[in-house]
């Protein structure tokens, strides 16, 4: 292998990535994956990448579901005139992202 990272180090990175993925520590796994060079990333098992993608999809579904609960509440508060402008602006941005995700992926959330 022509990588600047020795084979033993790559194997250790992949073992650590597998361990993080199996523990559902996806954030740490993605940071570790990002720290690997391109050649090392090519050695990562497809099953680990599938697990990371599944975690991203699950997080997206939770994001959408949170919006499904939050947006009606905020709309009601807006109608009552008790919603702070900064919260209204933030929720409007959140809702735009939520609707875009639903359009792109056809997800309804949990």
PDB file of N, CA and C in Angstrom:
ATOM      1  N   UNK A   1       0.852  -1.171   0.000  1.00  0.00           N
ATOM      2  CA  UNK A   1       0.000   0.000   0.000  1.00  0.00           C
ATOM      3  C   UNK A   1       0.894   1.228   0.000  1.00  0.00           C
ATOM      4  N   UNK A   2       0.561   2.240  -0.805  1.00  0.00           N
ATOM      5  CA  UNK A   2       1.404   3.421  -0.927  1.00  0.00           C
ATOM      6  C   UNK A   2       0.986   4.540   0.012  1.00  0.00           C
ATOM      7  N   UNK A   3       0.070   4.282   0.881  1.00  0.00           N
ATOM      8  CA  UNK A   3      -0.413   5.281   1.833  1.00  0.00           C
ATOM      9  C   UNK A   3       0.708   5.715   2.757  1.00  0.00           C
ATOM     10  N   UNK A   4       0.580   6.946   3.249  1.00  0.00           N
ATOM     11  CA  UNK A   4       1.556   7.440   4.212  1.00  0.00           C
ATOM     12  C   UNK A   4       1.308   6.864   5.595  1.00  0.00           C
ATOM     13  N   UNK A   5       0.154   6.209   5.774  1.00  0.00           N
ATOM     14  CA  UNK A   5      -0.185   5.593   7.055  1.00  0.00           C
ATOM     15  C   UNK A   5       0.203   4.125   6.990  1.00  0.00           C
ATOM     16  N   UNK A   6       1.016   3.640   7.921  1.00  0.00           N
ATOM     17  CA  UNK A   6       1.396   2.223   7.899  1.00  0.00           C
ATOM     18  C   UNK A   6       0.175   1.314   7.979  1.00  0.00           C
ATOM     19  N   UNK A   7       0.307   0.102   7.386  1.00  0.00           N
ATOM     20  CA  UNK A   7      -0.801  -0.860   7.355  1.00  0.00           C
ATOM     21  C   UNK A   7      -1.379  -1.130   8.742  1.00  0.00           C
ATOM     22  N   UNK A   8      -0.520  -1.291   9.731  1.00  0.00           N
ATOM     23  CA  UNK A   8      -0.994  -1.588  11.091  1.00  0.00           C
ATOM     24  C   UNK A   8      -1.856  -0.449  11.623  1.00  0.00           C
ATOM     25  N   UNK A   9      -1.476   0.808  11.302  1.00  0.00           N
ATOM     26  CA  UNK A   9      -2.254   1.950  11.755  1.00  0.00           C
ATOM     27  C   UNK A   9      -3.620   1.996  11.067  1.00  0.00           C
ATOM     28  N   UNK A  10      -3.644   1.656   9.770  1.00  0.00           N
ATOM     29  CA  UNK A  10      -4.908   1.629   9.034  1.00  0.00           C
ATOM     30  C   UNK A  10      -5.818   0.562   9.630  1.00  0.00           C
ATOM     31  N   UNK A  11      -5.259  -0.605   9.894  1.00  0.00           N
ATOM     32  CA  UNK A  11      -6.050  -1.675  10.503  1.00  0.00           C
ATOM     33  C   UNK A  11      -6.591  -1.243  11.855  1.00  0.00           C
ATOM     34  N   UNK A  12      -5.784  -0.553  12.636  1.00  0.00           N
ATOM     35  CA  UNK A  12      -6.234  -0.068  13.944  1.00  0.00           C
ATOM     36  C   UNK A  12      -7.354   0.962  13.775  1.00  0.00           C
ATOM     37  N   UNK A  13      -7.227   1.839  12.766  1.00  0.00           N
ATOM     38  CA  UNK A  13      -8.276   2.825  12.511  1.00  0.00           C
ATOM     39  C   UNK A  13      -9.584   2.131  12.136  1.00  0.00           C
ATOM     40  N   UNK A  14      -9.486   1.124  11.294  1.00  0.00           N
ATOM     41  CA  UNK A  14     -10.686   0.414  10.850  1.00  0.00           C
ATOM     42  C   UNK A  14     -11.319  -0.350  12.014  1.00  0.00           C
ATOM     43  N   UNK A  15     -10.486  -0.946  12.858  1.00  0.00           N
ATOM     44  CA  UNK A  15     -11.030  -1.627  14.048  1.00  0.00           C
ATOM     45  C   UNK A  15     -11.734  -0.624  14.955  1.00  0.00           C
ATOM     46  N   UNK A  16     -11.121   0.540  15.139  1.00  0.00           N
ATOM     47  CA  UNK A  16     -11.729   1.577  15.980  1.00  0.00           C
ATOM     48  C   UNK A  16     -13.040   2.071  15.347  1.00  0.00           C
ATOM     49  N   UNK A  17     -13.045   2.242  14.037  1.00  0.00           N
ATOM     50  CA  UNK A  17     -14.247   2.673  13.338  1.00  0.00           C
ATOM     51  C   UNK A  17     -15.357   1.640  13.509  1.00  0.00           C
ATOM     52  N   UNK A  18     -15.018   0.376  13.374  1.00  0.00           N
ATOM     53  CA  UNK A  18     -15.996  -0.701  13.559  1.00  0.00           C
ATOM     54  C   UNK A  18     -16.543  -0.673  14.991  1.00  0.00           C
ATOM     55  N   UNK A  19     -15.652  -0.504  15.954  1.00  0.00           N
ATOM     56  CA  UNK A  19     -16.066  -0.465  17.364  1.00  0.00           C
ATOM     57  C   UNK A  19     -17.014   0.706  17.617  1.00  0.00           C
ATOM     58  N   UNK A  20     -16.674   1.875  17.107  1.00  0.00           N
ATOM     59  CA  UNK A  20     -17.524   3.052  17.299  1.00  0.00           C
ATOM     60  C   UNK A  20     -18.890   2.855  16.657  1.00  0.00           C
ATOM     61  N   UNK A  21     -18.895   2.266  15.479  1.00  0.00           N
ATOM     62  CA  UNK A  21     -20.155   2.034  14.769  1.00  0.00           C
ATOM     63  C   UNK A  21     -21.025   1.044  15.520  1.00  0.00           C
ATOM     64  N   UNK A  22     -20.432  -0.017  16.014  1.00  0.00           N
ATOM     65  CA  UNK A  22     -21.205  -1.023  16.749  1.00  0.00           C
ATOM     66  C   UNK A  22     -21.737  -0.470  18.064  1.00  0.00           C
ATOM     67  N   UNK A  23     -21.045   0.534  18.628  1.00  0.00           N
ATOM     68  CA  UNK A  23     -21.514   1.162  19.876  1.00  0.00           C
ATOM     69  C   UNK A  23     -22.502   2.285  19.594  1.00  0.00           C
ATOM     70  N   UNK A  24     -22.843   2.481  18.318  1.00  0.00           N
ATOM     71  CA  UNK A  24     -23.744   3.561  17.893  1.00  0.00           C
ATOM     72  C   UNK A  24     -23.180   4.945  18.188  1.00  0.00           C
ATOM     73  N   UNK A  25     -21.861   5.065  18.221  1.00  0.00           N
ATOM     74  CA  UNK A  25     -21.212   6.362  18.411  1.00  0.00           C
ATOM     75  C   UNK A  25     -20.862   6.903  17.030  1.00  0.00           C
ATOM     76  N   UNK A  26     -21.905   7.277  16.303  1.00  0.00           N
ATOM     77  CA  UNK A  26     -21.743   7.634  14.901  1.00  0.00           C
ATOM     78  C   UNK A  26     -20.987   8.941  14.704  1.00  0.00           C
ATOM     79  N   UNK A  27     -21.157   9.872  15.610  1.00  0.00           N
ATOM     80  CA  UNK A  27     -20.443  11.138  15.480  1.00  0.00           C
ATOM     81  C   UNK A  27     -18.943  10.909  15.536  1.00  0.00           C
ATOM     82  N   UNK A  28     -18.497  10.143  16.521  1.00  0.00           N
ATOM     83  CA  UNK A  28     -17.062   9.843  16.625  1.00  0.00           C
ATOM     84  C   UNK A  28     -16.590   9.034  15.415  1.00  0.00           C
ATOM     85  N   UNK A  29     -17.438   8.124  14.929  1.00  0.00           N
ATOM     86  CA  UNK A  29     -17.065   7.316  13.766  1.00  0.00           C
ATOM     87  C   UNK A  29     -16.874   8.189  12.533  1.00  0.00           C
ATOM     88  N   UNK A  30     -17.745   9.159  12.339  1.00  0.00           N
ATOM     89  CA  UNK A  30     -17.619  10.044  11.181  1.00  0.00           C
ATOM     90  C   UNK A  30     -16.374  10.911  11.304  1.00  0.00           C
ATOM     91  N   UNK A  31     -16.075  11.400  12.505  1.00  0.00           N
ATOM     92  CA  UNK A  31     -14.856  12.187  12.685  1.00  0.00           C
ATOM     93  C   UNK A  31     -13.611  11.339  12.414  1.00  0.00           C
ATOM     94  N   UNK A  32     -13.623  10.094  12.857  1.00  0.00           N
ATOM     95  CA  UNK A  32     -12.500   9.201  12.580  1.00  0.00           C
ATOM     96  C   UNK A  32     -12.388   8.948  11.080  1.00  0.00           C
ATOM     97  N   UNK A  33     -13.503   8.705  10.430  1.00  0.00           N
ATOM     98  CA  UNK A  33     -13.508   8.487   8.989  1.00  0.00           C
ATOM     99  C   UNK A  33     -12.955   9.710   8.260  1.00  0.00           C
ATOM    100  N   UNK A  34     -13.325  10.882   8.704  1.00  0.00           N
ATOM    101  CA  UNK A  34     -12.838  12.120   8.091  1.00  0.00           C
ATOM    102  C   UNK A  34     -11.336  12.299   8.279  1.00  0.00           C
ATOM    103  N   UNK A  35     -10.806  11.772   9.365  1.00  0.00           N
ATOM    104  CA  UNK A  35      -9.373  11.935   9.634  1.00  0.00           C
ATOM    105  C   UNK A  35      -8.509  10.961   8.828  1.00  0.00           C
ATOM    106  N   UNK A  36      -9.142   9.959   8.233  1.00  0.00           N
ATOM    107  CA  UNK A  36      -8.404   8.962   7.453  1.00  0.00           C
ATOM    108  C   UNK A  36      -8.101   9.518   6.061  1.00  0.00           C
ATOM    109  N   UNK A  37      -6.966   9.104   5.497  1.00  0.00           N
ATOM    110  CA  UNK A  37      -6.675   9.533   4.129  1.00  0.00           C
ATOM    111  C   UNK A  37      -7.529   8.739   3.145  1.00  0.00           C
ATOM    112  N   UNK A  38      -7.545   9.188   1.893  1.00  0.00           N
ATOM    113  CA  UNK A  38      -8.411   8.578   0.883  1.00  0.00           C
ATOM    114  C   UNK A  38      -8.149   7.086   0.702  1.00  0.00           C
ATOM    115  N   UNK A  39      -6.888   6.696   0.681  1.00  0.00           N
ATOM    116  CA  UNK A  39      -6.553   5.286   0.490  1.00  0.00           C
ATOM    117  C   UNK A  39      -7.048   4.432   1.655  1.00  0.00           C
ATOM    118  N   UNK A  40      -6.921   4.946   2.851  1.00  0.00           N
ATOM    119  CA  UNK A  40      -7.393   4.210   4.026  1.00  0.00           C
ATOM    120  C   UNK A  40      -8.906   4.074   4.015  1.00  0.00           C
ATOM    121  N   UNK A  41      -9.584   5.149   3.596  1.00  0.00           N
ATOM    122  CA  UNK A  41     -11.054   5.118   3.543  1.00  0.00           C
ATOM    123  C   UNK A  41     -11.550   4.058   2.566  1.00  0.00           C
ATOM    124  N   UNK A  42     -10.775   3.781   1.516  1.00  0.00           N
ATOM    125  CA  UNK A  42     -11.173   2.760   0.545  1.00  0.00           C
ATOM    126  C   UNK A  42     -11.202   1.363   1.161  1.00  0.00           C
ATOM    127  N   UNK A  43     -10.503   1.177   2.266  1.00  0.00           N
ATOM    128  CA  UNK A  43     -10.437  -0.129   2.920  1.00  0.00           C
ATOM    129  C   UNK A  43     -11.575  -0.364   3.911  1.00  0.00           C
ATOM    130  N   UNK A  44     -12.368   0.658   4.157  1.00  0.00           N
ATOM    131  CA  UNK A  44     -13.460   0.557   5.132  1.00  0.00           C
ATOM    132  C   UNK A  44     -14.550  -0.356   4.571  1.00  0.00           C
ATOM    133  N   UNK A  45     -15.025  -1.267   5.397  1.00  0.00           N
ATOM    134  CA  UNK A  45     -16.081  -2.208   5.004  1.00  0.00           C
ATOM    135  C   UNK A  45     -17.327  -1.450   4.565  1.00  0.00           C
ATOM    136  N   UNK A  46     -17.949  -1.917   3.517  1.00  0.00           N
ATOM    137  CA  UNK A  46     -19.197  -1.307   3.067  1.00  0.00           C
ATOM    138  C   UNK A  46     -20.282  -1.396   4.132  1.00  0.00           C
ATOM    139  N   UNK A  47     -20.246  -2.443   4.942  1.00  0.00           N
ATOM    140  CA  UNK A  47     -21.257  -2.583   5.995  1.00  0.00           C
ATOM    141  C   UNK A  47     -21.149  -1.448   7.015  1.00  0.00           C
ATOM    142  N   UNK A  48     -19.922  -0.982   7.275  1.00  0.00           N
ATOM    143  CA  UNK A  48     -19.762   0.145   8.202  1.00  0.00           C
ATOM    144  C   UNK A  48     -20.308   1.429   7.583  1.00  0.00           C
ATOM    145  N   UNK A  49     -20.041   1.612   6.304  1.00  0.00           N
ATOM    146  CA  UNK A  49     -20.569   2.796   5.630  1.00  0.00           C
ATOM    147  C   UNK A  49     -22.088   2.736   5.559  1.00  0.00           C
ATOM    148  N   UNK A  50     -22.637   1.542   5.342  1.00  0.00           N
ATOM    149  CA  UNK A  50     -24.093   1.381   5.354  1.00  0.00           C
ATOM    150  C   UNK A  50     -24.663   1.738   6.723  1.00  0.00           C
ATOM    151  N   UNK A  51     -23.973   1.339   7.779  1.00  0.00           N
ATOM    152  CA  UNK A  51     -24.430   1.643   9.138  1.00  0.00           C
ATOM    153  C   UNK A  51     -24.414   3.153   9.388  1.00  0.00           C
ATOM    154  N   UNK A  52     -23.380   3.833   8.915  1.00  0.00           N
ATOM    155  CA  UNK A  52     -23.307   5.286   9.083  1.00  0.00           C
ATOM    156  C   UNK A  52     -24.421   5.975   8.296  1.00  0.00           C
ATOM    157  N   UNK A  53     -24.682   5.494   7.085  1.00  0.00           N
ATOM    158  CA  UNK A  53     -25.765   6.070   6.293  1.00  0.00           C
ATOM    159  C   UNK A  53     -27.117   5.802   6.930  1.00  0.00           C
ATOM    160  N   UNK A  54     -27.303   4.628   7.488  1.00  0.00           N
ATOM    161  CA  UNK A  54     -28.557   4.312   8.182  1.00  0.00           C
ATOM    162  C   UNK A  54     -28.740   5.227   9.391  1.00  0.00           C
ATOM    163  N   UNK A  55     -27.655   5.503  10.091  1.00  0.00           N
ATOM    164  CA  UNK A  55     -27.729   6.410  11.243  1.00  0.00           C
ATOM    165  C   UNK A  55     -28.101   7.820  10.793  1.00  0.00           C
ATOM    166  N   UNK A  56     -27.533   8.260   9.678  1.00  0.00           N
ATOM    167  CA  UNK A  56     -27.866   9.584   9.150  1.00  0.00           C
ATOM    168  C   UNK A  56     -29.336   9.648   8.752  1.00  0.00           C
ATOM    169  N   UNK A  57     -29.822   8.584   8.142  1.00  0.00           N
ATOM    170  CA  UNK A  57     -31.225   8.541   7.741  1.00  0.00           C
ATOM    171  C   UNK A  57     -32.144   8.549   8.968  1.00  0.00           C
ATOM    172  N   UNK A  58     -31.774   7.813   9.999  1.00  0.00           N
ATOM    173  CA  UNK A  58     -32.574   7.800  11.231  1.00  0.00           C
ATOM    174  C   UNK A  58     -32.584   9.176  11.882  1.00  0.00           C
ATOM    175  N   UNK A  59     -31.431   9.842  11.897  1.00  0.00           N
ATOM    176  CA  UNK A  59     -31.358  11.189  12.475  1.00  0.00           C
ATOM    177  C   UNK A  59     -32.240  12.152  11.683  1.00  0.00           C
ATOM    178  N   UNK A  60     -32.231  11.999  10.370  1.00  0.00           N
ATOM    179  CA  UNK A  60     -33.068  12.838   9.528  1.00  0.00           C
ATOM    180  C   UNK A  60     -34.544  12.608   9.846  1.00  0.00           C
ATOM    181  N   UNK A  61     -34.933  11.360  10.038  1.00  0.00           N
ATOM    182  CA  UNK A  61     -36.327  11.052  10.371  1.00  0.00           C
ATOM    183  C   UNK A  61     -36.708  11.661  11.721  1.00  0.00           C
ATOM    184  N   UNK A  62     -35.790  11.657  12.679  1.00  0.00           N
ATOM    185  CA  UNK A  62     -36.059  12.276  13.984  1.00  0.00           C
ATOM    186  C   UNK A  62     -36.183  13.794  13.849  1.00  0.00           C
ATOM    187  N   UNK A  63     -35.349  14.384  13.001  1.00  0.00           N
ATOM    188  CA  UNK A  63     -35.403  15.822  12.738  1.00  0.00           C
ATOM    189  C   UNK A  63     -36.780  16.190  12.182  1.00  0.00           C
ATOM    190  N   UNK A  64     -37.229  15.413  11.211  1.00  0.00           N
ATOM    191  CA  UNK A  64     -38.538  15.657  10.605  1.00  0.00           C
ATOM    192  C   UNK A  64     -39.644  15.482  11.650  1.00  0.00           C
ATOM    193  N   UNK A  65     -39.550  14.420  12.438  1.00  0.00           N
ATOM    194  CA  UNK A  65     -40.562  14.165  13.468  1.00  0.00           C
ATOM    195  C   UNK A  65     -40.595  15.292  14.500  1.00  0.00           C
ATOM    196  N   UNK A  66     -39.433  15.791  14.878  1.00  0.00           N
ATOM    197  CA  UNK A  66     -39.388  16.911  15.826  1.00  0.00           C
ATOM    198  C   UNK A  66     -40.103  18.123  15.239  1.00  0.00           C
ATOM    199  N   UNK A  67     -39.878  18.359  13.970  1.00  0.00           N
ATOM    200  CA  UNK A  67     -40.558  19.467  13.313  1.00  0.00           C
ATOM    201  C   UNK A  67     -42.058  19.273  13.241  1.00  0.00           C
ATOM    202  N   UNK A  68     -42.468  18.019  13.045  1.00  0.00           N
ATOM    203  CA  UNK A  68     -43.902  17.725  12.994  1.00  0.00           C
ATOM    204  C   UNK A  68     -44.586  18.057  14.320  1.00  0.00           C
ATOM    205  N   UNK A  69     -43.837  17.995  15.406  1.00  0.00           N
ATOM    206  CA  UNK A  69     -44.377  18.365  16.721  1.00  0.00           C
ATOM    207  C   UNK A  69     -44.207  19.855  16.998  1.00  0.00           C
ATOM    208  N   UNK A  70     -43.050  20.393  16.617  1.00  0.00           N
ATOM    209  CA  UNK A  70     -42.708  21.774  16.949  1.00  0.00           C
ATOM    210  C   UNK A  70     -43.495  22.803  16.142  1.00  0.00           C
ATOM    211  N   UNK A  71     -43.584  22.591  14.854  1.00  0.00           N
ATOM    212  CA  UNK A  71     -44.169  23.614  13.980  1.00  0.00           C
ATOM    213  C   UNK A  71     -45.626  23.939  14.334  1.00  0.00           C
ATOM    214  N   UNK A  72     -46.495  22.952  14.549  1.00  0.00           N
ATOM    215  CA  UNK A  72     -47.872  23.314  14.933  1.00  0.00           C
ATOM    216  C   UNK A  72     -47.946  24.092  16.255  1.00  0.00           C
ATOM    217  N   UNK A  73     -47.102  23.720  17.202  1.00  0.00           N
ATOM    218  CA  UNK A  73     -47.060  24.430  18.477  1.00  0.00           C
ATOM    219  C   UNK A  73     -46.658  25.891  18.270  1.00  0.00           C
ATOM    220  N   UNK A  74     -45.619  26.094  17.501  1.00  0.00           N
ATOM    221  CA  UNK A  74     -45.125  27.452  17.240  1.00  0.00           C
ATOM    222  C   UNK A  74     -46.150  28.245  16.429  1.00  0.00           C
ATOM    223  N   UNK A  75     -46.797  27.599  15.484  1.00  0.00           N
ATOM    224  CA  UNK A  75     -47.837  28.294  14.711  1.00  0.00           C
ATOM    225  C   UNK A  75     -48.958  28.774  15.625  1.00  0.00           C
ATOM    226  N   UNK A  76     -49.345  27.942  16.578  1.00  0.00           N
ATOM    227  CA  UNK A  76     -50.391  28.333  17.527  1.00  0.00           C
ATOM    228  C   UNK A  76     -49.922  29.501  18.388  1.00  0.00           C
ATOM    229  N   UNK A  77     -48.675  29.431  18.849  1.00  0.00           N
ATOM    230  CA  UNK A  77     -48.129  30.531  19.656  1.00  0.00           C
ATOM    231  C   UNK A  77     -48.068  31.827  18.837  1.00  0.00           C
ATOM    232  N   UNK A  78     -47.727  31.697  17.563  1.00  0.00           N
ATOM    233  CA  UNK A  78     -47.673  32.865  16.675  1.00  0.00           C
ATOM    234  C   UNK A  78     -49.071  33.485  16.546  1.00  0.00           C
ATOM    235  N   UNK A  79     -50.082  32.632  16.352  1.00  0.00           N
ATOM    236  CA  UNK A  79     -51.464  33.116  16.241  1.00  0.00           C
ATOM    237  C   UNK A  79     -51.925  33.816  17.515  1.00  0.00           C
ATOM    238  N   UNK A  80     -51.461  33.329  18.651  1.00  0.00           N
ATOM    239  CA  UNK A  80     -51.829  33.944  19.934  1.00  0.00           C
ATOM    240  C   UNK A  80     -51.032  35.206  20.228  1.00  0.00           C
ATOM    241  N   UNK A  81     -49.993  35.456  19.454  1.00  0.00           N
ATOM    242  CA  UNK A  81     -49.172  36.648  19.644  1.00  0.00           C
ATOM    243  C   UNK A  81     -48.194  36.544  20.801  1.00  0.00           C
ATOM    244  N   UNK A  82     -47.850  35.328  21.208  1.00  0.00           N
ATOM    245  CA  UNK A  82     -46.954  35.151  22.357  1.00  0.00           C
ATOM    246  C   UNK A  82     -45.588  34.592  21.966  1.00  0.00           C
ATOM    247  N   UNK A  83     -45.330  34.491  20.676  1.00  0.00           N
ATOM    248  CA  UNK A  83     -44.071  33.914  20.208  1.00  0.00           C
ATOM    249  C   UNK A  83     -43.023  35.002  20.027  1.00  0.00           C
ATOM    250  N   UNK A  84     -41.854  34.775  20.632  1.00  0.00           N
ATOM    251  CA  UNK A  84     -40.753  35.731  20.464  1.00  0.00           C
ATOM    252  C   UNK A  84     -40.291  35.736  19.006  1.00  0.00           C
ATOM    253  N   UNK A  85     -39.913  36.902  18.491  1.00  0.00           N
ATOM    254  CA  UNK A  85     -39.479  36.994  17.091  1.00  0.00           C
ATOM    255  C   UNK A  85     -38.245  36.143  16.767  1.00  0.00           C
ATOM    256  N   UNK A  86     -37.311  36.026  17.699  1.00  0.00           N
ATOM    257  CA  UNK A  86     -36.113  35.227  17.428  1.00  0.00           C
ATOM    258  C   UNK A  86     -36.449  33.740  17.309  1.00  0.00           C
ATOM    259  N   UNK A  87     -37.381  33.281  18.132  1.00  0.00           N
ATOM    260  CA  UNK A  87     -37.818  31.883  18.056  1.00  0.00           C
ATOM    261  C   UNK A  87     -38.579  31.667  16.747  1.00  0.00           C
ATOM    262  N   UNK A  88     -39.429  32.615  16.380  1.00  0.00           N
ATOM    263  CA  UNK A  88     -40.189  32.501  15.129  1.00  0.00           C
ATOM    264  C   UNK A  88     -39.237  32.383  13.935  1.00  0.00           C
ATOM    265  N   UNK A  89     -38.211  33.208  13.905  1.00  0.00           N
ATOM    266  CA  UNK A  89     -37.259  33.175  12.791  1.00  0.00           C
ATOM    267  C   UNK A  89     -36.508  31.847  12.749  1.00  0.00           C
ATOM    268  N   UNK A  90     -36.082  31.366  13.907  1.00  0.00           N
ATOM    269  CA  UNK A  90     -35.346  30.100  13.961  1.00  0.00           C
ATOM    270  C   UNK A  90     -36.233  28.932  13.528  1.00  0.00           C
ATOM    271  N   UNK A  91     -37.463  28.907  13.989  1.00  0.00           N
ATOM    272  CA  UNK A  91     -38.368  27.817  13.638  1.00  0.00           C
ATOM    273  C   UNK A  91     -38.735  27.879  12.155  1.00  0.00           C
ATOM    274  N   UNK A  92     -38.854  29.078  11.610  1.00  0.00           N
ATOM    275  CA  UNK A  92     -39.122  29.195  10.175  1.00  0.00           C
ATOM    276  C   UNK A  92     -37.980  28.571   9.362  1.00  0.00           C
ATOM    277  N   UNK A  93     -36.738  28.804   9.774  1.00  0.00           N
ATOM    278  CA  UNK A  93     -35.583  28.201   9.102  1.00  0.00           C
ATOM    279  C   UNK A  93     -35.595  26.683   9.268  1.00  0.00           C
ATOM    280  N   UNK A  94     -35.886  26.243  10.477  1.00  0.00           N
ATOM    281  CA  UNK A  94     -35.977  24.816  10.772  1.00  0.00           C
ATOM    282  C   UNK A  94     -37.041  24.161   9.889  1.00  0.00           C
ATOM    283  N   UNK A  95     -38.198  24.807   9.796  1.00  0.00           N
ATOM    284  CA  UNK A  95     -39.302  24.240   9.029  1.00  0.00           C
ATOM    285  C   UNK A  95     -38.965  24.181   7.545  1.00  0.00           C
ATOM    286  N   UNK A  96     -38.266  25.173   7.042  1.00  0.00           N
ATOM    287  CA  UNK A  96     -37.836  25.151   5.636  1.00  0.00           C
ATOM    288  C   UNK A  96     -36.954  23.935   5.381  1.00  0.00           C
ATOM    289  N   UNK A  97     -36.011  23.677   6.281  1.00  0.00           N
ATOM    290  CA  UNK A  97     -35.124  22.514   6.145  1.00  0.00           C
ATOM    291  C   UNK A  97     -35.917  21.215   6.263  1.00  0.00           C
ATOM    292  N   UNK A  98     -36.848  21.169   7.181  1.00  0.00           N
ATOM    293  CA  UNK A  98     -37.668  19.963   7.389  1.00  0.00           C
ATOM    294  C   UNK A  98     -38.485  19.642   6.139  1.00  0.00           C
ATOM    295  N   UNK A  99     -39.129  20.643   5.576  1.00  0.00           N
ATOM    296  CA  UNK A  99     -39.947  20.437   4.381  1.00  0.00           C
ATOM    297  C   UNK A  99     -39.065  20.006   3.213  1.00  0.00           C
ATOM    298  N   UNK A 100     -37.889  20.590   3.110  1.00  0.00           N
ATOM    299  CA  UNK A 100     -36.964  20.219   2.025  1.00  0.00           C
ATOM    300  C   UNK A 100     -36.544  18.751   2.164  1.00  0.00           C
ATOM    301  N   UNK A 101     -36.256  18.319   3.393  1.00  0.00           N
ATOM    302  CA  UNK A 101     -35.899  16.916   3.618  1.00  0.00           C
ATOM    303  C   UNK A 101     -37.043  15.995   3.231  1.00  0.00           C
ATOM    304  N   UNK A 102     -38.237  16.353   3.626  1.00  0.00           N
ATOM    305  CA  UNK A 102     -39.398  15.533   3.282  1.00  0.00           C
ATOM    306  C   UNK A 102     -39.560  15.438   1.770  1.00  0.00           C
ATOM    307  N   UNK A 103     -39.363  16.544   1.077  1.00  0.00           N
ATOM    308  CA  UNK A 103     -39.485  16.558  -0.383  1.00  0.00           C
ATOM    309  C   UNK A 103     -38.404  15.684  -1.032  1.00  0.00           C
ATOM    310  N   UNK A 104     -37.190  15.796  -0.529  1.00  0.00           N
ATOM    311  CA  UNK A 104     -36.072  15.062  -1.133  1.00  0.00           C
ATOM    312  C   UNK A 104     -36.130  13.564  -0.856  1.00  0.00           C
ATOM    313  N   UNK A 105     -36.535  13.208   0.341  1.00  0.00           N
ATOM    314  CA  UNK A 105     -36.439  11.810   0.764  1.00  0.00           C
ATOM    315  C   UNK A 105     -37.777  11.132   1.015  1.00  0.00           C
ATOM    316  N   UNK A 106     -38.859  11.881   0.920  1.00  0.00           N
ATOM    317  CA  UNK A 106     -40.171  11.276   1.116  1.00  0.00           C
ATOM    318  C   UNK A 106     -40.383  10.756   2.525  1.00  0.00           C
ATOM    319  N   UNK A 107     -39.701  11.338   3.493  1.00  0.00           N
ATOM    320  CA  UNK A 107     -39.803  10.877   4.888  1.00  0.00           C
ATOM    321  C   UNK A 107     -40.886  11.652   5.606  1.00  0.00           C
ATOM    322  N   UNK A 108     -41.558  10.966   6.498  1.00  0.00           N
ATOM    323  CA  UNK A 108     -42.604  11.591   7.319  1.00  0.00           C
ATOM    324  C   UNK A 108     -42.171  11.759   8.760  1.00  0.00           C
ATOM    325  N   UNK A 109     -41.112  11.086   9.182  1.00  0.00           N
ATOM    326  CA  UNK A 109     -40.665  11.138  10.558  1.00  0.00           C
ATOM    327  C   UNK A 109     -41.379  10.128  11.421  1.00  0.00           C
ATOM    328  N   UNK A 110     -40.817   9.898  12.605  1.00  0.00           N
ATOM    329  CA  UNK A 110     -41.408   8.921  13.535  1.00  0.00           C
ATOM    330  C   UNK A 110     -42.383   9.624  14.446  1.00  0.00           C
TER     331      UNK A 110
END
